[in-house]
Amino acid sequence: MKKILHLMIAMSCFSAVSRAQTFPVKPIIVNGPDTNRVNIVMLPDGFTSTQMGKFDTAVAGIMAYLFNEIPYRQYARFFNAYCIEVPSVDSGADHPGTATDVVEPIIPIANVNTYFNSTFDNGGVHRAIYATNTAGVSSVLNNNFPMYDVPFVLVNSPEYGGTGGWYITATLDASANETAVHEMGHTFGKLWDEYWNGMPGEHPNMTQESNPTLNRWSNWLNVSGMGIFPYGSSNPQSTWFRPHQNCKMQFLNRPLCSVCRENIIDQIYKTVRPIDAFSPANDALVYSFAGAPINFSFTPIRPNPNSLKFQWELNGTMLGSTDTAVLIDDSQLKTGSNKLVAYITDTTLLSRSYQPAKGYVFSIEWELQKGWKTSVSKVNADNKFVYSLYPVPAHNSVSLVCENNTGATRLDYKIVAINGVVVRQGTRPLQKGSQTMTLDISGLAPGIYTCQLNGEGILAAGRLVVE
């Protein structure tokens, strides 16, 4: 029998978590902020407190294997990985001996006390091991690492098995690494089995559309063995089609096909922007003034090998720079409003899903003003607080003029330097209607600052230029 993997077992929750518990969280791979990475979170099941070293070693091996597979290898910097060390009372996993696809018991019947109650024989399929304590998985994740993207329950059993769903369950058998990549295809890549699992449907790598023009992977036909292949010769298998005859979503120890690789990259870019930071902030106007050019820059997340291309556009005209930074001065600007855009485009040949746009395109926009010496009005999100800061540039003090129609009776302000350091802060009483207040900026070094405003119903930020 081929070593093929079952996708998803529909299970109800068999156990409840009596109370929230916290456990040690150990970083395995950290490439950047959790807010802008795909976070894989590994959970042990059937590992006792004295077996956490075994768990950590197994996780390290799985991660090393995963990030040597295409396309994870190219996009490894887009991922973080963590362990939550949850001990079980007993080692191993349950085996009720109830599977109908083998002559049971194929392994000894067992009923052990594990935290996530991982069990073989789900849905009558022996290899379909599943962590049935769904509430426990959810509780541990939410109370210990709520920014998870891909939960993975690793079971301390030498028997072959694995399933995917909203979390992965897999064992430590000799095929564990291959199982992990296959199940990542399900849970993260949203891919379907390319063998017949009895649950057909329209998916990125499964369809009933056989017309080459209308087929969902038409961009890949006749490239690297890609085609429109029936699942079988008899109904209903003959009416459903897969893109390849030798993909890891069908057989272990094979590469992922081009369609599956492409969809994994699509999923990465649904979670991660290839931009970790940029400067200056773009939440308010950036003012340009004579004698002080402004440096605009961003920090990209580069695939390996790098497939990102960078372009800068000022007022609809492409600039010469293809770097991650550009220096803008007054001579490049028109009087009044200007728009600067940085484009970051991934031109990877591993994906054709964005053709003919020719890439995954991301952008950062800044608004610049030239020659404005008076206030520029800004509006709070609900339009109940309108404000302006003048003069531009300012020296020693700046006037905050506002029209307040919120319920706020006080206004907290912070003046923040371009490096994020708060250099001045305070509180002013706030009344209904129009009013003006003076903010002291004496002693501040010349440059660009952000004036952050907070109050009941008020959350705003205005650009402040000090000369």
Protein backbone atom coordinates (compact mmCIF):
# COMPACT_ATOMS: atom_id res chain seq x y z
CA MET A 1 0.00 0.00 0.00
CA LYS A 2 1.33 3.45 -0.92
CA LYS A 3 2.17 5.72 2.01
CA ILE A 4 -0.43 8.36 1.31
CA LEU A 5 -1.99 10.74 3.76
CA HIS A 6 -5.53 11.41 4.75
CA LEU A 7 -6.59 15.07 4.78
CA MET A 8 -9.16 16.03 7.33
CA ILE A 9 -11.19 14.08 9.84
CA ALA A 10 -14.40 15.77 10.91
CA MET A 11 -14.44 15.28 14.64
CA SER A 12 -16.36 16.73 17.53
CA CYS A 13 -14.56 17.82 20.67
CA PHE A 14 -14.33 14.92 23.14
CA SER A 15 -12.85 16.76 26.07
CA ALA A 16 -12.93 20.20 27.61
CA VAL A 17 -10.26 22.25 29.25
CA SER A 18 -11.17 23.04 32.84
CA ARG A 19 -9.09 26.19 33.04
CA ALA A 20 -6.52 28.13 31.10
CA GLN A 21 -2.95 26.98 31.59
CA THR A 22 0.35 28.50 30.61
CA PHE A 23 3.38 26.52 29.48
CA PRO A 24 6.94 27.33 28.43
CA VAL A 25 7.15 28.80 24.91
CA LYS A 26 10.47 28.15 23.17
CA PRO A 27 11.54 29.94 19.98
CA ILE A 28 12.86 27.55 17.32
CA ILE A 29 13.21 29.88 14.31
CA VAL A 30 12.77 33.66 14.56
CA ASN A 31 13.21 35.64 11.36
CA GLY A 32 11.27 38.75 12.30
CA PRO A 33 8.24 40.15 14.13
CA ASP A 34 5.42 37.69 14.75
CA THR A 35 3.00 40.28 13.36
CA ASN A 36 4.58 39.91 9.91
CA ARG A 37 5.54 36.25 9.72
CA VAL A 38 3.83 32.90 9.24
CA ASN A 39 4.07 31.49 12.76
CA ILE A 40 4.30 27.70 13.02
CA VAL A 41 3.57 26.55 16.57
CA MET A 42 4.51 23.00 17.55
CA LEU A 43 2.62 21.21 20.35
CA PRO A 44 3.76 17.89 21.85
CA ASP A 45 1.34 15.09 22.63
CA GLY A 46 2.32 11.91 24.41
CA PHE A 47 5.62 13.39 25.56
CA THR A 48 6.10 13.35 29.33
CA SER A 49 7.92 16.14 31.15
CA THR A 50 11.16 14.13 30.95
CA GLN A 51 10.79 13.64 27.18
CA MET A 52 10.77 17.32 26.10
CA GLY A 53 14.33 16.99 24.86
CA LYS A 54 13.16 14.27 22.47
CA PHE A 55 10.34 16.55 21.32
CA ASP A 56 12.70 19.51 20.75
CA THR A 57 15.08 17.33 18.73
CA ALA A 58 12.25 16.02 16.56
CA VAL A 59 10.92 19.53 15.94
CA ALA A 60 14.35 20.79 14.91
CA GLY A 61 14.62 17.96 12.40
CA ILE A 62 11.16 18.61 10.93
CA MET A 63 11.83 22.33 10.57
CA ALA A 64 15.20 21.73 8.90
CA TYR A 65 13.55 19.34 6.44
CA LEU A 66 10.58 21.62 5.73
CA PHE A 67 12.76 24.61 4.93
CA ASN A 68 14.83 22.59 2.52
CA GLU A 69 11.74 21.89 0.39
CA ILE A 70 10.63 24.14 -2.48
CA PRO A 71 9.06 26.71 -2.02
CA TYR A 72 9.63 26.84 1.76
CA ARG A 73 13.38 26.98 1.15
CA GLN A 74 13.08 30.18 -0.90
CA TYR A 75 10.67 31.79 1.59
CA ALA A 76 12.17 30.55 4.87
CA ARG A 77 12.70 34.15 6.08
CA PHE A 78 8.92 34.65 5.96
CA PHE A 79 8.39 32.11 8.77
CA ASN A 80 8.88 31.86 12.52
CA ALA A 81 8.57 28.65 14.51
CA TYR A 82 7.90 28.08 18.22
CA CYS A 83 7.31 25.17 20.61
CA ILE A 84 4.84 25.19 23.49
CA GLU A 85 6.10 22.54 25.88
CA VAL A 86 2.94 20.82 27.11
CA PRO A 87 3.72 17.60 29.01
CA SER A 88 1.45 14.55 29.02
CA VAL A 89 0.98 12.09 31.86
CA ASP A 90 1.70 9.09 29.59
CA SER A 91 3.79 8.49 26.49
CA GLY A 92 2.35 7.51 23.13
CA ALA A 93 -1.11 7.73 21.58
CA ASP A 94 -4.45 5.94 21.75
CA HIS A 95 -5.13 3.06 19.38
CA PRO A 96 -8.68 1.71 19.68
CA GLY A 97 -8.20 -0.94 16.97
CA THR A 98 -11.37 0.08 15.12
CA ALA A 99 -10.02 0.94 11.66
CA THR A 100 -11.84 -0.67 8.73
CA ASP A 101 -9.10 -0.20 6.11
CA VAL A 102 -6.77 -2.75 7.77
CA VAL A 103 -7.08 -5.98 9.71
CA GLU A 104 -6.97 -4.69 13.29
CA PRO A 105 -5.17 -4.63 15.61
CA ILE A 106 -2.31 -3.74 13.29
CA ILE A 107 -0.54 -2.28 16.32
CA PRO A 108 -1.31 -3.06 19.97
CA ILE A 109 -4.54 -1.56 21.27
CA ALA A 110 -3.75 1.26 23.69
CA ASN A 111 -5.56 3.86 25.78
CA VAL A 112 -3.11 6.35 27.26
CA ASN A 113 -3.48 9.64 29.13
CA THR A 114 -2.15 12.40 26.85
CA TYR A 115 -2.90 16.12 26.91
CA PHE A 116 -4.45 16.40 23.44
CA ASN A 117 -5.82 12.83 23.30
CA SER A 118 -4.27 11.92 19.93
CA THR A 119 -5.88 8.79 18.52
CA PHE A 120 -5.35 6.47 15.54
CA ASP A 121 -8.19 4.92 13.51
CA ASN A 122 -10.20 8.11 13.03
CA GLY A 123 -12.92 7.80 10.40
CA GLY A 124 -12.16 4.10 10.10
CA VAL A 125 -8.68 4.83 8.68
CA HIS A 126 -5.82 3.38 10.69
CA ARG A 127 -3.17 5.94 9.72
CA ALA A 128 -5.54 8.86 10.43
CA ILE A 129 -4.17 10.01 13.77
CA TYR A 130 -5.91 13.10 15.12
CA ALA A 131 -5.58 15.18 18.30
CA THR A 132 -9.20 14.89 19.37
CA ASN A 133 -8.94 17.36 22.28
CA THR A 134 -9.69 20.28 19.98
CA ALA A 135 -10.65 22.52 22.91
CA GLY A 136 -7.28 21.80 24.51
CA VAL A 137 -5.39 22.72 21.34
CA SER A 138 -7.35 25.95 21.05
CA SER A 139 -6.92 26.84 24.72
CA VAL A 140 -3.17 26.20 24.79
CA LEU A 141 -2.63 28.26 21.65
CA ASN A 142 -4.80 31.17 22.72
CA ASN A 143 -3.31 31.34 26.21
CA ASN A 144 0.32 30.84 25.25
CA PHE A 145 0.83 32.01 21.67
CA PRO A 146 -2.33 33.62 20.24
CA MET A 147 -0.50 34.87 17.11
CA TYR A 148 -0.23 31.34 15.72
CA ASP A 149 -0.85 30.66 12.03
CA VAL A 150 -0.06 26.95 11.64
CA PRO A 151 -0.65 24.74 14.72
CA PHE A 152 1.12 21.38 14.59
CA VAL A 153 0.54 18.58 17.12
CA LEU A 154 3.51 16.19 17.08
CA VAL A 155 2.66 12.80 18.61
CA ASN A 156 5.17 10.60 20.39
CA SER A 157 4.46 7.43 18.43
CA PRO A 158 6.71 5.44 16.05
CA GLU A 159 3.68 4.39 13.96
CA TYR A 160 2.97 6.03 10.60
CA GLY A 161 0.14 8.55 10.60
CA GLY A 162 -0.99 12.10 10.02
CA THR A 163 -3.94 14.35 9.29
CA GLY A 164 -4.44 17.98 8.42
CA GLY A 165 -7.23 20.40 9.18
CA TRP A 166 -7.07 23.66 11.04
CA TYR A 167 -4.13 22.02 12.78
CA ILE A 168 -1.73 19.26 11.76
CA THR A 169 -1.41 16.00 13.69
CA ALA A 170 1.57 13.76 12.83
CA THR A 171 3.76 11.09 14.42
CA LEU A 172 7.48 10.34 14.72
CA ASP A 173 7.69 7.42 12.28
CA ALA A 174 10.40 7.24 9.61
CA SER A 175 8.24 9.34 7.25
CA ALA A 176 7.65 12.13 9.77
CA ASN A 177 9.47 14.79 7.77
CA GLU A 178 7.63 13.98 4.56
CA THR A 179 4.36 13.79 6.45
CA ALA A 180 4.96 17.28 7.84
CA VAL A 181 5.48 18.79 4.38
CA HIS A 182 2.38 17.03 3.00
CA GLU A 183 0.21 18.14 5.91
CA MET A 184 1.56 21.69 5.66
CA GLY A 185 0.19 21.57 2.13
CA HIS A 186 -3.25 20.93 3.58
CA THR A 187 -3.30 23.13 6.68
CA PHE A 188 -1.29 26.08 5.41
CA GLY A 189 -1.39 25.74 1.62
CA LYS A 190 -5.14 24.93 1.44
CA LEU A 191 -4.30 22.06 -0.93
CA TRP A 192 -6.22 18.83 -1.45
CA ASP A 193 -5.01 15.28 -1.77
CA GLU A 194 -4.02 14.33 -5.29
CA TYR A 195 -5.01 10.75 -4.59
CA TRP A 196 -8.69 9.87 -4.27
CA ASN A 197 -9.74 10.40 -0.65
CA GLY A 198 -13.48 10.11 -1.27
CA MET A 199 -14.14 13.80 -0.54
CA PRO A 200 -13.97 15.61 -3.90
CA GLY A 201 -14.39 19.35 -4.31
CA GLU A 202 -13.06 22.39 -6.10
CA HIS A 203 -9.61 23.22 -4.70
CA PRO A 204 -6.42 24.85 -6.03
CA ASN A 205 -5.14 21.43 -7.11
CA MET A 206 -8.44 19.62 -7.77
CA THR A 207 -11.20 20.50 -10.22
CA GLN A 208 -13.89 19.16 -12.52
CA GLU A 209 -12.94 21.67 -15.23
CA SER A 210 -11.12 19.82 -18.03
CA ASN A 211 -11.22 22.63 -20.59
CA PRO A 212 -7.56 23.79 -20.89
CA THR A 213 -8.63 27.40 -21.36
CA LEU A 214 -10.91 27.48 -18.32
CA ASN A 215 -8.94 25.16 -16.05
CA ARG A 216 -7.73 26.83 -12.84
CA TRP A 217 -4.05 25.95 -13.47
CA SER A 218 -4.09 26.76 -17.21
CA ASN A 219 -0.95 28.92 -16.77
CA TRP A 220 1.05 25.78 -15.98
CA LEU A 221 -0.22 23.32 -18.62
CA ASN A 222 2.52 21.42 -20.46
CA VAL A 223 5.24 22.79 -18.15
CA SER A 224 7.26 20.40 -15.92
CA GLY A 225 4.79 17.55 -16.37
CA MET A 226 1.74 19.66 -15.56
CA GLY A 227 -1.53 18.66 -17.19
CA ILE A 228 -5.16 17.77 -16.51
CA PHE A 229 -5.14 14.22 -15.18
CA PRO A 230 -8.21 12.25 -13.99
CA TYR A 231 -8.15 10.78 -10.50
CA GLY A 232 -9.22 7.42 -11.89
CA SER A 233 -10.87 5.61 -14.77
CA SER A 234 -14.31 5.07 -13.23
CA ASN A 235 -16.92 7.47 -11.87
CA PRO A 236 -16.73 9.66 -9.92
CA GLN A 237 -12.90 9.62 -10.03
CA SER A 238 -12.87 10.04 -13.82
CA THR A 239 -14.74 13.37 -13.55
CA TRP A 240 -12.23 15.00 -11.20
CA PHE A 241 -8.77 16.17 -12.21
CA ARG A 242 -5.38 16.88 -10.64
CA PRO A 243 -2.46 18.85 -12.12
CA HIS A 244 0.32 16.26 -11.86
CA GLN A 245 0.91 12.53 -11.68
CA ASN A 246 3.81 12.55 -9.23
CA CYS A 247 3.25 15.28 -6.60
CA LYS A 248 3.86 15.10 -2.86
CA MET A 249 0.14 15.67 -2.37
CA GLN A 250 -0.28 12.20 -3.89
CA PHE A 251 2.90 10.30 -2.96
CA LEU A 252 5.47 10.86 -0.24
CA ASN A 253 9.12 11.35 -1.22
CA ARG A 254 8.18 13.37 -4.29
CA PRO A 255 8.50 17.15 -4.83
CA LEU A 256 5.49 19.41 -4.69
CA CYS A 257 4.21 20.17 -8.18
CA SER A 258 4.23 23.69 -9.64
CA VAL A 259 0.55 24.34 -8.87
CA CYS A 260 1.01 23.38 -5.22
CA ARG A 261 4.17 25.47 -4.87
CA GLU A 262 2.40 28.47 -6.36
CA ASN A 263 -0.54 28.20 -3.99
CA ILE A 264 1.76 27.97 -0.96
CA ILE A 265 3.44 31.22 -2.06
CA ASP A 266 -0.03 32.75 -2.47
CA GLN A 267 -0.80 31.79 1.13
CA ILE A 268 2.50 33.24 2.37
CA TYR A 269 1.63 36.59 0.83
CA LYS A 270 -1.84 36.52 2.34
CA THR A 271 -0.13 36.55 5.75
CA VAL A 272 3.15 38.42 5.22
CA ARG A 273 4.04 41.69 3.49
CA PRO A 274 7.65 41.59 2.25
CA ILE A 275 8.28 44.83 4.16
CA ASP A 276 9.39 44.75 7.79
CA ALA A 277 9.71 48.52 8.30
CA PHE A 278 9.82 51.85 6.52
CA SER A 279 10.79 55.42 7.33
CA PRO A 280 9.52 58.05 7.81
CA ALA A 281 6.05 57.07 9.03
CA ASN A 282 3.29 57.67 6.49
CA ASP A 283 0.32 58.20 8.82
CA ALA A 284 0.46 61.96 8.34
CA LEU A 285 1.81 64.50 5.86
CA VAL A 286 5.54 64.66 5.34
CA TYR A 287 6.66 68.22 4.71
CA SER A 288 9.62 69.15 2.57
CA PHE A 289 11.46 72.40 3.17
CA ALA A 290 14.51 74.05 1.64
CA GLY A 291 17.89 72.83 2.80
CA ALA A 292 16.66 69.59 4.35
CA PRO A 293 16.31 66.66 1.93
CA ILE A 294 14.35 63.73 3.32
CA ASN A 295 15.55 60.12 3.12
CA PHE A 296 12.79 57.58 2.46
CA SER A 297 13.60 53.91 3.00
CA PHE A 298 12.16 50.48 3.73
CA THR A 299 13.44 47.15 5.02
CA PRO A 300 12.35 44.26 2.77
CA ILE A 301 12.06 40.54 3.53
CA ARG A 302 14.04 39.00 0.70
CA PRO A 303 13.40 35.47 -0.58
CA ASN A 304 16.52 33.37 -1.12
CA PRO A 305 17.61 33.68 -3.86
CA ASN A 306 16.23 37.20 -3.95
CA SER A 307 13.39 37.71 -6.44
CA LEU A 308 12.25 41.14 -5.20
CA LYS A 309 12.51 44.20 -7.44
CA PHE A 310 12.25 47.76 -6.12
CA GLN A 311 10.98 50.89 -7.85
CA TRP A 312 10.23 54.45 -6.72
CA GLU A 313 7.58 56.70 -8.25
CA LEU A 314 7.17 60.42 -7.63
CA ASN A 315 4.00 62.07 -8.93
CA GLY A 316 3.47 59.31 -11.48
CA THR A 317 7.05 59.33 -12.82
CA MET A 318 9.42 56.47 -12.12
CA LEU A 319 12.68 57.51 -10.46
CA GLY A 320 16.04 56.00 -11.30
CA SER A 321 16.58 54.33 -7.95
CA THR A 322 16.09 50.57 -7.66
CA ASP A 323 17.44 50.51 -4.10
CA THR A 324 15.60 50.33 -0.77
CA ALA A 325 16.13 54.05 -0.14
CA VAL A 326 15.77 57.32 -1.99
CA LEU A 327 16.66 60.91 -1.07
CA ILE A 328 14.05 63.53 -2.02
CA ASP A 329 14.71 67.26 -1.96
CA ASP A 330 12.73 70.37 -2.87
CA SER A 331 14.04 70.53 -6.42
CA GLN A 332 12.16 67.30 -7.24
CA LEU A 333 8.83 68.50 -5.87
CA LYS A 334 6.08 70.69 -7.20
CA THR A 335 4.51 73.35 -5.01
CA GLY A 336 1.64 71.85 -3.04
CA SER A 337 0.84 68.16 -2.75
CA ASN A 338 3.17 65.39 -3.98
CA LYS A 339 2.93 61.60 -3.79
CA LEU A 340 5.91 59.26 -3.39
CA VAL A 341 5.38 55.51 -3.82
CA ALA A 342 7.80 52.63 -3.23
CA TYR A 343 6.89 49.45 -5.13
CA ILE A 344 8.13 46.05 -3.97
CA THR A 345 7.48 43.31 -6.53
CA ASP A 346 8.22 39.60 -6.22
CA THR A 347 9.06 38.30 -9.70
CA THR A 348 9.57 34.68 -8.61
CA LEU A 349 9.34 32.11 -11.39
CA LEU A 350 7.78 29.68 -8.90
CA SER A 351 4.41 31.37 -9.32
CA ARG A 352 2.30 32.38 -12.28
CA SER A 353 -0.84 33.23 -10.33
CA TYR A 354 -0.30 36.96 -10.72
CA GLN A 355 0.37 36.87 -14.46
CA PRO A 356 0.11 38.98 -16.54
CA ALA A 357 0.71 41.44 -13.67
CA LYS A 358 4.13 39.74 -13.49
CA GLY A 359 4.57 39.62 -9.77
CA TYR A 360 3.21 40.03 -6.29
CA VAL A 361 3.13 43.83 -5.97
CA PHE A 362 3.23 45.70 -2.65
CA SER A 363 3.58 49.42 -2.09
CA ILE A 364 4.22 52.15 0.48
CA GLU A 365 2.88 55.66 -0.08
CA TRP A 366 3.91 59.01 1.39
CA GLU A 367 2.27 62.40 0.90
CA LEU A 368 4.68 65.33 0.68
CA GLN A 369 3.97 69.05 0.74
CA LYS A 370 6.19 71.78 -0.65
CA GLY A 371 5.92 75.49 -0.02
CA TRP A 372 3.15 75.35 2.60
CA LYS A 373 3.72 77.76 5.48
CA THR A 374 0.21 77.62 6.91
CA SER A 375 -1.76 74.89 8.63
CA VAL A 376 -3.01 71.75 6.90
CA SER A 377 -6.26 70.33 8.23
CA LYS A 378 -6.47 66.68 9.26
CA VAL A 379 -9.59 64.74 10.23
CA ASN A 380 -10.07 62.08 12.89
CA ALA A 381 -11.51 58.76 11.64
CA ASP A 382 -15.10 59.63 12.59
CA ASN A 383 -14.88 63.25 11.32
CA LYS A 384 -15.77 64.58 14.78
CA PHE A 385 -12.32 65.99 15.43
CA VAL A 386 -10.68 68.26 12.84
CA TYR A 387 -7.30 69.76 13.61
CA SER A 388 -4.28 71.51 12.14
CA LEU A 389 -0.77 72.41 13.26
CA TYR A 390 0.91 75.68 12.23
CA PRO A 391 3.17 77.33 11.31
CA VAL A 392 5.09 75.03 9.02
CA PRO A 393 7.94 74.90 9.84
CA ALA A 394 7.64 75.90 13.51
CA HIS A 395 10.14 77.30 16.00
CA ASN A 396 9.84 77.20 19.84
CA SER A 397 6.07 76.68 19.77
CA VAL A 398 3.36 75.31 17.51
CA SER A 399 -0.36 76.11 17.49
CA LEU A 400 -2.88 73.28 17.50
CA VAL A 401 -6.22 74.48 16.11
CA CYS A 402 -9.10 72.05 16.41
CA GLU A 403 -12.84 71.64 16.05
CA ASN A 404 -13.98 69.14 18.69
CA ASN A 405 -17.34 67.39 18.44
CA THR A 406 -16.39 64.30 20.43
CA GLY A 407 -17.11 63.62 24.09
CA ALA A 408 -13.47 64.20 25.07
CA THR A 409 -12.76 66.73 27.84
CA ARG A 410 -8.97 66.36 27.70
CA LEU A 411 -6.41 65.87 24.97
CA ASP A 412 -3.17 63.97 25.53
CA TYR A 413 -0.36 64.70 23.11
CA LYS A 414 3.05 63.20 22.41
CA ILE A 415 5.71 64.59 20.11
CA VAL A 416 7.66 61.66 18.68
CA ALA A 417 10.96 61.84 16.81
CA ILE A 418 11.47 59.94 13.56
CA ASN A 419 13.31 57.20 15.49
CA GLY A 420 10.24 56.58 17.67
CA VAL A 421 11.50 58.35 20.81
CA VAL A 422 8.96 60.50 22.66
CA VAL A 423 10.63 63.91 23.08
CA ARG A 424 7.73 65.91 24.55
CA GLN A 425 4.31 65.06 25.98
CA GLY A 426 1.51 66.61 27.96
CA THR A 427 -2.22 67.08 28.49
CA ARG A 428 -4.54 69.96 27.60
CA PRO A 429 -8.17 70.55 28.61
CA LEU A 430 -10.57 70.18 25.70
CA GLN A 431 -13.92 71.85 25.16
CA LYS A 432 -16.64 71.44 22.57
CA GLY A 433 -16.27 73.45 19.37
CA SER A 434 -13.35 75.48 18.01
CA GLN A 435 -10.27 76.21 20.09
CA THR A 436 -6.53 76.83 19.84
CA MET A 437 -3.81 75.58 22.14
CA THR A 438 -0.06 76.18 22.10
CA LEU A 439 2.44 73.35 22.39
CA ASP A 440 5.98 74.04 23.58
CA ILE A 441 8.65 72.71 21.21
CA SER A 442 11.56 74.82 22.42
CA GLY A 443 14.85 72.98 22.49
CA LEU A 444 13.85 70.36 19.92
CA ALA A 445 16.39 69.69 17.21
CA PRO A 446 15.38 70.72 13.67
CA GLY A 447 13.64 67.93 11.84
CA ILE A 448 10.38 66.07 11.29
CA TYR A 449 8.27 64.82 14.20
CA THR A 450 4.89 63.19 14.66
CA CYS A 451 2.37 64.82 17.01
CA GLN A 452 0.17 62.03 18.38
CA LEU A 453 -3.22 63.06 19.78
CA ASN A 454 -5.37 60.90 22.06
CA GLY A 455 -8.61 61.40 23.92
CA GLU A 456 -12.08 59.90 24.26
CA GLY A 457 -13.02 59.20 20.65
CA ILE A 458 -9.80 60.79 19.37
CA LEU A 459 -6.87 58.93 17.86
CA ALA A 460 -4.89 61.02 15.40
CA ALA A 461 -1.38 61.93 14.33
CA GLY A 462 -0.12 65.05 12.56
CA ARG A 463 3.23 65.83 11.05
CA LEU A 464 5.25 68.55 12.78
CA VAL A 465 8.29 70.28 11.23
CA VAL A 466 10.74 72.04 13.52
CA GLU A 467 13.30 74.51 12.13
